[in-house]
Amino acid sequence: VEITAQNHGFAVDPDSLPSRDVEITHVNLNDHTNEGMRHKKVPLFSVQYHPEASPGPHDSHYLFTQFTDMMKAWRQPGSSHQ
């Protein structure tokens, strides 16, 4: 569970996403809106909040680690993704 401030007027409807390719990763506990997702086949993910913001300096550090790890893996020599 991550606690973040919600202050947005738009959200992605999970029913509009191709379920075979996209996985919902974060859901708002108050209104059940989509707060994050990832693509299952390509290195793509998103969150609907500011992971670099407070309350703590390391609360969302894993997202930045996940991002850099994904980019390194995508660029590996011999990867079919180049």
N, C-alpha and C. Protein backbone atom coordinates (compact mmCIF):
# COMPACT_ATOMS: atom_id res chain seq x y z
N VAL A 1 0.85 -1.18 0.00
CA VAL A 1 0.00 0.00 0.00
C VAL A 1 0.89 1.24 0.00
N GLU A 2 0.58 2.16 -0.91
CA GLU A 2 1.27 3.44 -0.96
C GLU A 2 0.25 4.54 -0.73
N ILE A 3 0.60 5.51 0.07
CA ILE A 3 -0.29 6.63 0.35
C ILE A 3 0.22 7.83 -0.46
N THR A 4 -0.64 8.37 -1.31
CA THR A 4 -0.28 9.53 -2.12
C THR A 4 -1.44 10.52 -2.12
N ALA A 5 -1.16 11.74 -2.49
CA ALA A 5 -2.21 12.73 -2.65
C ALA A 5 -2.86 12.55 -4.02
N GLN A 6 -4.16 12.61 -4.06
CA GLN A 6 -4.86 12.51 -5.34
C GLN A 6 -5.46 13.86 -5.66
N ASN A 7 -5.10 14.40 -6.80
CA ASN A 7 -5.62 15.69 -7.22
C ASN A 7 -5.62 15.75 -8.74
N HIS A 8 -6.36 14.84 -9.35
CA HIS A 8 -6.44 14.86 -10.80
C HIS A 8 -7.89 14.64 -11.23
N GLY A 9 -8.20 15.15 -12.39
CA GLY A 9 -9.57 15.07 -12.87
C GLY A 9 -9.79 14.02 -13.94
N PHE A 10 -8.74 13.29 -14.30
CA PHE A 10 -8.85 12.29 -15.35
C PHE A 10 -8.25 10.98 -14.87
N ALA A 11 -8.77 9.89 -15.39
CA ALA A 11 -8.22 8.57 -15.08
C ALA A 11 -8.44 7.66 -16.27
N VAL A 12 -7.61 6.65 -16.39
CA VAL A 12 -7.76 5.66 -17.46
C VAL A 12 -8.78 4.62 -17.00
N ASP A 13 -9.77 4.37 -17.83
CA ASP A 13 -10.76 3.34 -17.54
C ASP A 13 -10.11 1.98 -17.81
N PRO A 14 -9.96 1.14 -16.78
CA PRO A 14 -9.32 -0.16 -16.99
C PRO A 14 -10.01 -1.01 -18.05
N ASP A 15 -11.31 -0.84 -18.22
CA ASP A 15 -12.04 -1.61 -19.23
C ASP A 15 -11.66 -1.21 -20.66
N SER A 16 -11.01 -0.06 -20.81
CA SER A 16 -10.60 0.39 -22.15
C SER A 16 -9.23 -0.17 -22.55
N LEU A 17 -8.58 -0.87 -21.64
CA LEU A 17 -7.24 -1.39 -21.90
C LEU A 17 -7.28 -2.82 -22.42
N PRO A 18 -6.36 -3.18 -23.30
CA PRO A 18 -6.29 -4.58 -23.75
C PRO A 18 -5.73 -5.45 -22.62
N SER A 19 -6.57 -6.25 -22.01
CA SER A 19 -6.18 -7.01 -20.81
C SER A 19 -5.04 -7.98 -21.07
N ARG A 20 -4.88 -8.43 -22.30
CA ARG A 20 -3.79 -9.37 -22.56
C ARG A 20 -2.43 -8.67 -22.57
N ASP A 21 -2.41 -7.35 -22.76
CA ASP A 21 -1.15 -6.61 -22.86
C ASP A 21 -0.87 -5.68 -21.68
N VAL A 22 -1.88 -5.27 -20.94
CA VAL A 22 -1.71 -4.27 -19.89
C VAL A 22 -2.21 -4.82 -18.56
N GLU A 23 -1.42 -4.58 -17.52
CA GLU A 23 -1.78 -5.01 -16.17
C GLU A 23 -1.91 -3.77 -15.27
N ILE A 24 -3.00 -3.68 -14.53
CA ILE A 24 -3.17 -2.60 -13.56
C ILE A 24 -2.30 -2.92 -12.35
N THR A 25 -1.49 -1.95 -11.93
CA THR A 25 -0.57 -2.16 -10.81
C THR A 25 -0.91 -1.35 -9.57
N HIS A 26 -1.63 -0.25 -9.74
CA HIS A 26 -1.97 0.63 -8.62
C HIS A 26 -3.44 1.03 -8.74
N VAL A 27 -4.16 0.97 -7.64
CA VAL A 27 -5.58 1.34 -7.61
C VAL A 27 -5.82 2.24 -6.41
N ASN A 28 -6.55 3.33 -6.63
CA ASN A 28 -6.90 4.24 -5.54
C ASN A 28 -7.89 3.55 -4.61
N LEU A 29 -7.59 3.53 -3.32
CA LEU A 29 -8.46 2.85 -2.36
C LEU A 29 -9.75 3.61 -2.09
N ASN A 30 -9.77 4.91 -2.37
CA ASN A 30 -10.97 5.71 -2.10
C ASN A 30 -12.01 5.58 -3.21
N ASP A 31 -11.59 5.76 -4.46
CA ASP A 31 -12.57 5.75 -5.55
C ASP A 31 -12.31 4.65 -6.58
N HIS A 32 -11.32 3.82 -6.33
CA HIS A 32 -11.00 2.66 -7.17
C HIS A 32 -10.57 3.03 -8.59
N THR A 33 -10.07 4.26 -8.77
CA THR A 33 -9.56 4.64 -10.09
C THR A 33 -8.18 4.04 -10.30
N ASN A 34 -7.83 3.89 -11.56
CA ASN A 34 -6.53 3.36 -11.94
C ASN A 34 -5.45 4.39 -11.62
N GLU A 35 -4.47 4.00 -10.84
CA GLU A 35 -3.36 4.89 -10.48
C GLU A 35 -2.03 4.42 -11.05
N GLY A 36 -2.02 3.26 -11.71
CA GLY A 36 -0.79 2.78 -12.32
C GLY A 36 -1.02 1.54 -13.14
N MET A 37 -0.16 1.36 -14.14
CA MET A 37 -0.27 0.18 -15.01
C MET A 37 1.09 -0.12 -15.61
N ARG A 38 1.20 -1.33 -16.17
CA ARG A 38 2.42 -1.73 -16.87
C ARG A 38 2.03 -2.55 -18.09
N HIS A 39 2.87 -2.47 -19.10
CA HIS A 39 2.68 -3.27 -20.30
C HIS A 39 3.41 -4.59 -20.09
N LYS A 40 2.81 -5.67 -20.52
CA LYS A 40 3.38 -7.00 -20.29
C LYS A 40 4.45 -7.39 -21.30
N LYS A 41 4.49 -6.72 -22.46
CA LYS A 41 5.41 -7.13 -23.51
C LYS A 41 6.55 -6.15 -23.79
N VAL A 42 6.33 -4.90 -23.53
CA VAL A 42 7.37 -3.89 -23.78
C VAL A 42 7.66 -3.15 -22.47
N PRO A 43 8.83 -2.54 -22.34
CA PRO A 43 9.20 -1.88 -21.09
C PRO A 43 8.49 -0.54 -20.93
N LEU A 44 7.29 -0.60 -20.42
CA LEU A 44 6.48 0.59 -20.26
C LEU A 44 5.64 0.45 -19.00
N PHE A 45 5.68 1.45 -18.14
CA PHE A 45 4.78 1.50 -16.99
C PHE A 45 4.50 2.95 -16.65
N SER A 46 3.45 3.18 -15.88
CA SER A 46 3.10 4.54 -15.49
C SER A 46 2.43 4.53 -14.12
N VAL A 47 2.51 5.67 -13.46
CA VAL A 47 1.76 5.90 -12.23
C VAL A 47 1.11 7.27 -12.33
N GLN A 48 -0.04 7.43 -11.69
CA GLN A 48 -0.80 8.68 -11.75
C GLN A 48 -0.57 9.47 -10.45
N TYR A 49 0.69 9.66 -10.13
CA TYR A 49 1.07 10.50 -8.99
C TYR A 49 2.54 10.86 -9.19
N HIS A 50 3.08 11.65 -8.30
CA HIS A 50 4.47 12.07 -8.42
C HIS A 50 5.33 11.21 -7.50
N PRO A 51 5.99 10.17 -8.03
CA PRO A 51 6.78 9.29 -7.17
C PRO A 51 8.01 9.98 -6.58
N GLU A 52 8.42 11.09 -7.14
CA GLU A 52 9.59 11.80 -6.61
C GLU A 52 9.23 12.74 -5.46
N ALA A 53 7.95 12.89 -5.17
CA ALA A 53 7.51 13.85 -4.15
C ALA A 53 7.47 13.22 -2.75
N SER A 54 7.15 14.01 -1.77
CA SER A 54 7.04 13.59 -0.37
C SER A 54 5.92 12.58 -0.24
N PRO A 55 5.75 11.87 0.85
CA PRO A 55 6.22 12.16 2.19
C PRO A 55 7.64 11.72 2.50
N GLY A 56 8.13 10.68 1.89
CA GLY A 56 9.47 10.22 2.24
C GLY A 56 10.35 10.15 1.01
N PRO A 57 11.65 10.31 1.19
CA PRO A 57 12.55 10.34 0.04
C PRO A 57 12.74 9.00 -0.65
N HIS A 58 12.36 7.90 -0.01
CA HIS A 58 12.60 6.59 -0.60
C HIS A 58 11.32 5.77 -0.78
N ASP A 59 10.16 6.37 -0.52
CA ASP A 59 8.91 5.62 -0.58
C ASP A 59 8.66 4.99 -1.94
N SER A 60 8.99 5.67 -2.99
CA SER A 60 8.75 5.15 -4.34
C SER A 60 10.05 4.87 -5.09
N HIS A 61 11.12 4.72 -4.35
CA HIS A 61 12.44 4.47 -4.96
C HIS A 61 12.41 3.26 -5.89
N TYR A 62 11.61 2.26 -5.53
CA TYR A 62 11.55 1.04 -6.33
C TYR A 62 11.11 1.32 -7.76
N LEU A 63 10.29 2.36 -7.98
CA LEU A 63 9.85 2.69 -9.34
C LEU A 63 11.02 3.14 -10.21
N PHE A 64 11.91 3.93 -9.63
CA PHE A 64 13.07 4.40 -10.38
C PHE A 64 14.05 3.26 -10.65
N THR A 65 14.20 2.36 -9.68
CA THR A 65 15.03 1.18 -9.87
C THR A 65 14.44 0.29 -10.95
N GLN A 66 13.13 0.10 -10.90
CA GLN A 66 12.45 -0.71 -11.91
C GLN A 66 12.65 -0.10 -13.30
N PHE A 67 12.55 1.21 -13.40
CA PHE A 67 12.72 1.88 -14.69
C PHE A 67 14.14 1.67 -15.24
N THR A 68 15.16 1.93 -14.42
CA THR A 68 16.53 1.78 -14.92
C THR A 68 16.84 0.32 -15.25
N ASP A 69 16.34 -0.61 -14.46
CA ASP A 69 16.55 -2.03 -14.76
C ASP A 69 15.89 -2.42 -16.09
N MET A 70 14.69 -1.91 -16.33
CA MET A 70 14.00 -2.20 -17.59
C MET A 70 14.78 -1.65 -18.77
N MET A 71 15.31 -0.44 -18.64
CA MET A 71 16.05 0.17 -19.75
C MET A 71 17.35 -0.59 -20.01
N LYS A 72 18.03 -1.01 -18.95
CA LYS A 72 19.26 -1.78 -19.13
C LYS A 72 18.98 -3.11 -19.82
N ALA A 73 17.94 -3.80 -19.40
CA ALA A 73 17.59 -5.09 -19.99
C ALA A 73 17.18 -4.93 -21.45
N TRP A 74 16.48 -3.86 -21.76
CA TRP A 74 16.01 -3.61 -23.12
C TRP A 74 17.18 -3.37 -24.07
N ARG A 75 18.26 -2.79 -23.54
CA ARG A 75 19.41 -2.43 -24.38
C ARG A 75 20.51 -3.48 -24.38
N GLN A 76 20.31 -4.62 -23.76
CA GLN A 76 21.33 -5.66 -23.71
C GLN A 76 21.74 -6.08 -25.11
N PRO A 77 23.05 -6.28 -25.35
CA PRO A 77 23.50 -6.77 -26.65
C PRO A 77 22.81 -8.10 -26.98
N GLY A 78 22.39 -8.23 -28.20
CA GLY A 78 21.72 -9.45 -28.60
C GLY A 78 20.24 -9.47 -28.31
N SER A 79 19.76 -8.43 -27.65
CA SER A 79 18.33 -8.35 -27.35
C SER A 79 17.55 -8.14 -28.64
N SER A 80 16.40 -8.74 -28.73
CA SER A 80 15.57 -8.56 -29.93
C SER A 80 14.87 -7.21 -29.92
N HIS A 81 15.10 -6.41 -28.90
CA HIS A 81 14.40 -5.13 -28.74
C HIS A 81 15.20 -3.95 -29.27
N GLN A 82 16.35 -4.18 -29.86
CA GLN A 82 17.17 -3.06 -30.32
C GLN A 82 16.72 -2.57 -31.66
